[in-house]
Amino acid sequence: MIDNLSIALTHGLLLIAVWRLIHRPDLDQEDPPEPDVRPTGFHIKRPINRNRPDA
């Protein structure tokens, strides 16, 4: 009996938490990210160093 009560209680509390999270008005609204001042990553065009010996 205690096991069923504890499982029902915890699942009920989880259901209430999920229900409240789903119905938040700001859940699907995000501000767009700010552009990078200096881009980073693989798409950066770097100058080719022609004086570097091949290793």
N, C-alpha and C. Protein backbone atom coordinates (compact mmCIF):
# COMPACT_ATOMS: atom_id res chain seq x y z
N MET A 1 0.83 -1.20 0.00
CA MET A 1 0.00 0.00 0.00
C MET A 1 0.87 1.25 0.00
N ILE A 2 1.90 1.28 0.84
CA ILE A 2 2.79 2.44 0.93
C ILE A 2 3.54 2.62 -0.39
N ASP A 3 3.96 1.51 -1.02
CA ASP A 3 4.68 1.60 -2.28
C ASP A 3 3.81 2.23 -3.36
N ASN A 4 2.57 1.82 -3.46
CA ASN A 4 1.66 2.39 -4.47
C ASN A 4 1.39 3.87 -4.19
N LEU A 5 1.28 4.22 -2.94
CA LEU A 5 1.04 5.62 -2.58
C LEU A 5 2.25 6.49 -2.93
N SER A 6 3.44 6.00 -2.63
CA SER A 6 4.63 6.80 -2.92
C SER A 6 4.84 6.93 -4.43
N ILE A 7 4.59 5.89 -5.19
CA ILE A 7 4.72 5.97 -6.64
C ILE A 7 3.66 6.92 -7.22
N ALA A 8 2.45 6.83 -6.76
CA ALA A 8 1.38 7.71 -7.24
C ALA A 8 1.67 9.17 -6.87
N LEU A 9 2.18 9.40 -5.68
CA LEU A 9 2.49 10.76 -5.26
C LEU A 9 3.60 11.37 -6.10
N THR A 10 4.69 10.63 -6.30
CA THR A 10 5.81 11.18 -7.07
C THR A 10 5.43 11.38 -8.53
N HIS A 11 4.71 10.44 -9.12
CA HIS A 11 4.28 10.61 -10.50
C HIS A 11 3.28 11.76 -10.64
N GLY A 12 2.45 11.92 -9.66
CA GLY A 12 1.50 13.05 -9.69
C GLY A 12 2.22 14.38 -9.62
N LEU A 13 3.24 14.47 -8.78
CA LEU A 13 4.01 15.72 -8.69
C LEU A 13 4.78 15.99 -9.98
N LEU A 14 5.33 14.95 -10.58
CA LEU A 14 6.00 15.12 -11.88
C LEU A 14 5.01 15.57 -12.95
N LEU A 15 3.82 15.02 -12.95
CA LEU A 15 2.80 15.42 -13.91
C LEU A 15 2.42 16.88 -13.74
N ILE A 16 2.28 17.33 -12.52
CA ILE A 16 1.97 18.74 -12.26
C ILE A 16 3.11 19.64 -12.74
N ALA A 17 4.35 19.24 -12.50
CA ALA A 17 5.49 20.04 -12.93
C ALA A 17 5.56 20.13 -14.45
N VAL A 18 5.36 19.02 -15.13
CA VAL A 18 5.38 19.02 -16.60
C VAL A 18 4.23 19.85 -17.14
N TRP A 19 3.06 19.73 -16.56
CA TRP A 19 1.89 20.49 -17.00
C TRP A 19 2.15 22.00 -16.88
N ARG A 20 2.74 22.41 -15.78
CA ARG A 20 3.04 23.84 -15.60
C ARG A 20 4.11 24.31 -16.57
N LEU A 21 5.11 23.47 -16.86
CA LEU A 21 6.15 23.86 -17.80
C LEU A 21 5.62 23.97 -19.23
N ILE A 22 4.75 23.06 -19.61
CA ILE A 22 4.21 23.06 -20.97
C ILE A 22 3.38 24.32 -21.21
N HIS A 23 2.67 24.78 -20.25
CA HIS A 23 1.76 25.90 -20.43
C HIS A 23 2.37 27.27 -20.13
N ARG A 24 3.70 27.33 -20.05
CA ARG A 24 4.35 28.63 -19.88
C ARG A 24 4.31 29.40 -21.19
N PRO A 25 3.98 30.69 -21.16
CA PRO A 25 3.90 31.44 -22.42
C PRO A 25 5.26 31.71 -23.05
N ASP A 26 6.32 31.75 -22.26
CA ASP A 26 7.64 32.07 -22.80
C ASP A 26 8.45 30.84 -23.18
N LEU A 27 7.82 29.67 -23.24
CA LEU A 27 8.54 28.44 -23.50
C LEU A 27 9.08 28.39 -24.93
N ASP A 28 8.31 28.87 -25.91
CA ASP A 28 8.72 28.79 -27.31
C ASP A 28 9.26 30.10 -27.85
N GLN A 29 9.54 31.07 -27.03
CA GLN A 29 10.02 32.36 -27.51
C GLN A 29 11.45 32.56 -27.03
N GLU A 30 12.34 32.79 -28.00
CA GLU A 30 13.74 33.06 -27.68
C GLU A 30 14.18 34.30 -28.41
N ASP A 31 15.09 35.02 -27.81
CA ASP A 31 15.71 36.13 -28.50
C ASP A 31 16.76 35.57 -29.45
N PRO A 32 16.90 36.18 -30.64
CA PRO A 32 17.93 35.67 -31.56
C PRO A 32 19.32 35.91 -30.99
N PRO A 33 20.25 35.03 -31.31
CA PRO A 33 21.60 35.20 -30.77
C PRO A 33 22.29 36.41 -31.40
N GLU A 34 23.16 37.04 -30.62
CA GLU A 34 23.90 38.18 -31.13
C GLU A 34 25.02 37.68 -32.05
N PRO A 35 25.26 38.38 -33.16
CA PRO A 35 26.33 37.92 -34.06
C PRO A 35 27.70 38.08 -33.41
N ASP A 36 28.61 37.20 -33.79
CA ASP A 36 29.97 37.26 -33.26
C ASP A 36 30.69 38.49 -33.80
N VAL A 37 31.47 39.11 -32.94
CA VAL A 37 32.28 40.24 -33.38
C VAL A 37 33.36 39.74 -34.34
N ARG A 38 34.00 38.67 -33.96
CA ARG A 38 35.01 38.03 -34.79
C ARG A 38 34.59 36.57 -34.97
N PRO A 39 34.32 36.15 -36.19
CA PRO A 39 33.83 34.78 -36.37
C PRO A 39 34.86 33.74 -35.93
N THR A 40 34.36 32.65 -35.43
CA THR A 40 35.23 31.54 -35.02
C THR A 40 34.73 30.28 -35.69
N GLY A 41 35.59 29.30 -35.82
CA GLY A 41 35.19 28.02 -36.37
C GLY A 41 35.93 27.70 -37.65
N PHE A 42 35.42 26.73 -38.39
CA PHE A 42 36.07 26.24 -39.59
C PHE A 42 35.88 27.16 -40.79
N HIS A 43 34.89 28.02 -40.77
CA HIS A 43 34.58 28.84 -41.93
C HIS A 43 35.40 30.12 -42.01
N ILE A 44 36.34 30.33 -41.11
CA ILE A 44 37.16 31.55 -41.12
C ILE A 44 38.14 31.48 -42.28
N LYS A 45 38.24 32.56 -43.02
CA LYS A 45 39.23 32.63 -44.09
C LYS A 45 40.51 33.20 -43.49
N ARG A 46 41.52 32.37 -43.41
CA ARG A 46 42.79 32.79 -42.85
C ARG A 46 43.79 32.98 -43.98
N PRO A 47 44.71 33.90 -43.81
CA PRO A 47 45.72 34.07 -44.85
C PRO A 47 46.62 32.84 -44.93
N ILE A 48 47.02 32.52 -46.15
CA ILE A 48 47.88 31.36 -46.36
C ILE A 48 49.33 31.79 -46.16
N ASN A 49 50.04 31.07 -45.32
CA ASN A 49 51.42 31.36 -45.06
C ASN A 49 52.27 30.56 -46.04
N ARG A 50 52.74 31.20 -47.07
CA ARG A 50 53.51 30.52 -48.12
C ARG A 50 54.95 30.23 -47.69
N ASN A 51 55.44 30.89 -46.65
CA ASN A 51 56.83 30.72 -46.22
C ASN A 51 57.02 29.53 -45.28
N ARG A 52 55.93 28.90 -44.87
CA ARG A 52 56.03 27.79 -43.93
C ARG A 52 56.49 26.52 -44.65
N PRO A 53 57.54 25.89 -44.19
CA PRO A 53 57.99 24.65 -44.84
C PRO A 53 56.99 23.52 -44.56
N ASP A 54 56.83 22.65 -45.50
CA ASP A 54 55.93 21.50 -45.30
C ASP A 54 56.55 20.55 -44.30
N ALA A 55 55.73 20.08 -43.39
CA ALA A 55 56.23 19.20 -42.33
C ALA A 55 55.98 17.75 -42.68
